[in-house]
Structures are given as C-alpha cells and as structure tokens.
Amino acid sequence: MDEKIELRPILDHLTAQPPLDLAYSDETAVRLPAIAGGLSLALARAFKIIDPDLKNPRAKHWERSFQIFDLLL
C-alpha cells in the first residue's frame, strides 16, 4: 500500500471529454487534469466532514457534499 502511483495518467483519462461547442486554450486544456483532481480531493474531504467514518457514500452523502460545493460557488 506504500507504493507511489502516477496520478497524471489517471486524471488525464478521467478528464477526457468529447469536444464542446466552446473552445478553450491549450493552457486551459493542460490544466484540466489538475482541476479535476482538485475537485475530487475537495469532494473526498467534504465526505469526511459529513461523516468521518464514511466508507461507501450513498446518494444522501453525495447530495450533502454538493450542497457544500453550492455554498462555495
């Protein structure tokens, strides 16, 4: 469990999206994996705020986490 993993390929795969109607710069495209990673980390931390012992989030946990995100926006 103490192995070092490469997150960049995982995040690159997770952020792969079909072309959108809106164009974005190459600089923005390069940053998308880091943004997705940051949002994933924030979501994980929100789950721990809601229930520190939570292992398998259910719909109610997702809804509460999104409520936290709504407050930030």
N, C-alpha and C. Protein backbone atom coordinates (compact mmCIF):
# COMPACT_ATOMS: atom_id res chain seq x y z
N MET A 1 0.81 -1.20 0.00
CA MET A 1 0.00 0.00 0.00
C MET A 1 0.85 1.26 0.00
N ASP A 2 2.13 1.11 0.21
CA ASP A 2 3.01 2.27 0.28
C ASP A 2 3.62 2.60 -1.08
N GLU A 3 3.04 2.08 -2.15
CA GLU A 3 3.59 2.31 -3.48
C GLU A 3 3.24 3.70 -3.98
N LYS A 4 4.15 4.25 -4.75
CA LYS A 4 3.91 5.55 -5.36
C LYS A 4 3.18 5.32 -6.69
N ILE A 5 2.06 6.02 -6.88
CA ILE A 5 1.31 5.86 -8.12
C ILE A 5 1.38 7.13 -8.93
N GLU A 6 1.27 6.98 -10.22
CA GLU A 6 1.26 8.13 -11.11
C GLU A 6 -0.19 8.57 -11.32
N LEU A 7 -0.55 9.71 -10.77
CA LEU A 7 -1.92 10.21 -10.88
C LEU A 7 -2.18 10.88 -12.22
N ARG A 8 -1.16 11.42 -12.85
CA ARG A 8 -1.36 12.17 -14.09
C ARG A 8 -2.09 11.33 -15.16
N PRO A 9 -1.66 10.08 -15.46
CA PRO A 9 -2.39 9.30 -16.47
C PRO A 9 -3.84 9.02 -16.07
N ILE A 10 -4.08 8.81 -14.80
CA ILE A 10 -5.44 8.55 -14.32
C ILE A 10 -6.30 9.79 -14.51
N LEU A 11 -5.78 10.94 -14.10
CA LEU A 11 -6.53 12.18 -14.23
C LEU A 11 -6.73 12.56 -15.69
N ASP A 12 -5.72 12.31 -16.53
CA ASP A 12 -5.87 12.58 -17.96
C ASP A 12 -7.02 11.76 -18.54
N HIS A 13 -7.11 10.50 -18.12
CA HIS A 13 -8.18 9.63 -18.61
C HIS A 13 -9.55 10.10 -18.10
N LEU A 14 -9.61 10.48 -16.83
CA LEU A 14 -10.88 10.90 -16.24
C LEU A 14 -11.40 12.20 -16.84
N THR A 15 -10.50 13.06 -17.27
CA THR A 15 -10.95 14.35 -17.78
C THR A 15 -11.14 14.34 -19.29
N ALA A 16 -10.95 13.20 -19.93
CA ALA A 16 -11.17 13.13 -21.38
C ALA A 16 -12.66 13.38 -21.65
N GLN A 17 -12.93 14.37 -22.45
CA GLN A 17 -14.30 14.77 -22.75
C GLN A 17 -14.47 14.90 -24.26
N PRO A 18 -15.69 14.70 -24.73
CA PRO A 18 -15.92 14.97 -26.16
C PRO A 18 -15.80 16.46 -26.42
N PRO A 19 -15.53 16.84 -27.66
CA PRO A 19 -15.40 18.28 -27.97
C PRO A 19 -16.69 19.03 -27.60
N LEU A 20 -16.51 20.19 -27.02
CA LEU A 20 -17.64 21.03 -26.63
C LEU A 20 -17.84 22.12 -27.68
N ASP A 21 -18.97 22.79 -27.60
CA ASP A 21 -19.24 23.90 -28.51
C ASP A 21 -18.32 25.08 -28.23
N LEU A 22 -17.80 25.15 -27.01
CA LEU A 22 -16.93 26.24 -26.63
C LEU A 22 -15.47 25.81 -26.74
N ALA A 23 -14.65 26.63 -27.32
CA ALA A 23 -13.23 26.33 -27.42
C ALA A 23 -12.51 26.88 -26.20
N TYR A 24 -11.48 26.19 -25.77
CA TYR A 24 -10.66 26.69 -24.68
C TYR A 24 -9.21 26.58 -25.10
N SER A 25 -8.38 27.36 -24.46
CA SER A 25 -6.98 27.46 -24.87
C SER A 25 -6.22 26.18 -24.52
N ASP A 26 -5.04 26.03 -25.14
CA ASP A 26 -4.18 24.88 -24.83
C ASP A 26 -3.76 24.91 -23.37
N GLU A 27 -3.52 26.10 -22.85
CA GLU A 27 -3.13 26.24 -21.45
C GLU A 27 -4.23 25.72 -20.53
N THR A 28 -5.47 26.03 -20.85
CA THR A 28 -6.60 25.54 -20.07
C THR A 28 -6.70 24.03 -20.18
N ALA A 29 -6.55 23.49 -21.38
CA ALA A 29 -6.63 22.04 -21.59
C ALA A 29 -5.58 21.30 -20.78
N VAL A 30 -4.39 21.87 -20.68
CA VAL A 30 -3.31 21.24 -19.91
C VAL A 30 -3.65 21.22 -18.42
N ARG A 31 -4.40 22.20 -17.96
CA ARG A 31 -4.72 22.31 -16.53
C ARG A 31 -5.94 21.50 -16.11
N LEU A 32 -6.73 21.01 -17.05
CA LEU A 32 -7.95 20.28 -16.70
C LEU A 32 -7.72 19.07 -15.79
N PRO A 33 -6.70 18.24 -16.01
CA PRO A 33 -6.49 17.13 -15.08
C PRO A 33 -6.24 17.58 -13.64
N ALA A 34 -5.48 18.65 -13.47
CA ALA A 34 -5.22 19.16 -12.12
C ALA A 34 -6.49 19.71 -11.50
N ILE A 35 -7.31 20.37 -12.29
CA ILE A 35 -8.59 20.90 -11.78
C ILE A 35 -9.49 19.75 -11.35
N ALA A 36 -9.60 18.72 -12.19
CA ALA A 36 -10.43 17.56 -11.84
C ALA A 36 -9.90 16.89 -10.58
N GLY A 37 -8.59 16.79 -10.46
CA GLY A 37 -8.00 16.20 -9.26
C GLY A 37 -8.31 17.01 -8.01
N GLY A 38 -8.23 18.34 -8.14
CA GLY A 38 -8.54 19.21 -7.01
C GLY A 38 -9.99 19.10 -6.59
N LEU A 39 -10.88 19.04 -7.56
CA LEU A 39 -12.31 18.89 -7.24
C LEU A 39 -12.59 17.53 -6.59
N SER A 40 -11.91 16.49 -7.07
CA SER A 40 -12.08 15.16 -6.48
C SER A 40 -11.61 15.15 -5.03
N LEU A 41 -10.48 15.80 -4.78
CA LEU A 41 -9.96 15.88 -3.41
C LEU A 41 -10.92 16.67 -2.52
N ALA A 42 -11.45 17.76 -3.03
CA ALA A 42 -12.40 18.56 -2.26
C ALA A 42 -13.65 17.75 -1.94
N LEU A 43 -14.12 16.96 -2.90
CA LEU A 43 -15.29 16.12 -2.68
C LEU A 43 -15.00 15.08 -1.60
N ALA A 44 -13.84 14.45 -1.67
CA ALA A 44 -13.47 13.45 -0.66
C ALA A 44 -13.41 14.08 0.73
N ARG A 45 -12.88 15.28 0.81
CA ARG A 45 -12.82 15.96 2.11
C ARG A 45 -14.21 16.34 2.59
N ALA A 46 -15.10 16.70 1.67
CA ALA A 46 -16.47 17.02 2.06
C ALA A 46 -17.16 15.80 2.64
N PHE A 47 -16.92 14.63 2.05
CA PHE A 47 -17.49 13.39 2.59
C PHE A 47 -17.01 13.16 4.03
N LYS A 48 -15.74 13.43 4.28
CA LYS A 48 -15.19 13.22 5.62
C LYS A 48 -15.74 14.24 6.62
N ILE A 49 -16.09 15.43 6.16
CA ILE A 49 -16.72 16.41 7.04
C ILE A 49 -18.11 15.94 7.42
N ILE A 50 -18.84 15.42 6.45
CA ILE A 50 -20.20 14.94 6.69
C ILE A 50 -20.20 13.76 7.64
N ASP A 51 -19.31 12.81 7.39
CA ASP A 51 -19.24 11.60 8.23
C ASP A 51 -17.81 11.08 8.22
N PRO A 52 -17.06 11.32 9.29
CA PRO A 52 -15.65 10.92 9.32
C PRO A 52 -15.41 9.42 9.13
N ASP A 53 -16.39 8.58 9.43
CA ASP A 53 -16.22 7.13 9.29
C ASP A 53 -16.79 6.58 7.98
N LEU A 54 -17.20 7.44 7.09
CA LEU A 54 -17.85 7.03 5.85
C LEU A 54 -16.88 6.27 4.95
N LYS A 55 -17.33 5.11 4.45
CA LYS A 55 -16.52 4.30 3.54
C LYS A 55 -17.15 4.22 2.16
N ASN A 56 -18.44 4.08 2.06
CA ASN A 56 -19.15 3.96 0.79
C ASN A 56 -20.27 5.00 0.73
N PRO A 57 -19.99 6.15 0.13
CA PRO A 57 -21.01 7.21 0.09
C PRO A 57 -22.26 6.78 -0.68
N ARG A 58 -23.39 7.15 -0.13
CA ARG A 58 -24.68 6.87 -0.77
C ARG A 58 -25.24 8.18 -1.32
N ALA A 59 -26.38 8.11 -1.94
CA ALA A 59 -26.98 9.29 -2.58
C ALA A 59 -27.10 10.46 -1.61
N LYS A 60 -27.51 10.21 -0.38
CA LYS A 60 -27.68 11.31 0.57
C LYS A 60 -26.35 11.99 0.88
N HIS A 61 -25.25 11.24 0.88
CA HIS A 61 -23.94 11.83 1.13
C HIS A 61 -23.51 12.70 -0.06
N TRP A 62 -23.78 12.20 -1.26
CA TRP A 62 -23.46 12.98 -2.46
C TRP A 62 -24.24 14.29 -2.46
N GLU A 63 -25.53 14.23 -2.12
CA GLU A 63 -26.36 15.44 -2.10
C GLU A 63 -25.83 16.45 -1.09
N ARG A 64 -25.44 15.98 0.08
CA ARG A 64 -24.91 16.89 1.10
C ARG A 64 -23.58 17.48 0.66
N SER A 65 -22.76 16.68 0.02
CA SER A 65 -21.47 17.18 -0.46
C SER A 65 -21.67 18.26 -1.52
N PHE A 66 -22.62 18.04 -2.42
CA PHE A 66 -22.89 19.04 -3.44
C PHE A 66 -23.46 20.31 -2.83
N GLN A 67 -24.18 20.19 -1.72
CA GLN A 67 -24.68 21.37 -1.03
C GLN A 67 -23.51 22.21 -0.52
N ILE A 68 -22.47 21.56 -0.05
CA ILE A 68 -21.26 22.26 0.41
C ILE A 68 -20.63 23.01 -0.77
N PHE A 69 -20.54 22.33 -1.92
CA PHE A 69 -19.96 22.97 -3.12
C PHE A 69 -20.82 24.16 -3.55
N ASP A 70 -22.14 24.03 -3.46
CA ASP A 70 -23.03 25.13 -3.83
C ASP A 70 -22.76 26.36 -2.97
N LEU A 71 -22.44 26.16 -1.70
CA LEU A 71 -22.13 27.29 -0.83
C LEU A 71 -20.88 28.03 -1.28
N LEU A 72 -19.95 27.29 -1.85
CA LEU A 72 -18.69 27.88 -2.28
C LEU A 72 -18.81 28.63 -3.59
N LEU A 73 -19.83 28.31 -4.37
CA LEU A 73 -19.96 28.96 -5.67
C LEU A 73 -20.77 30.18 -5.56
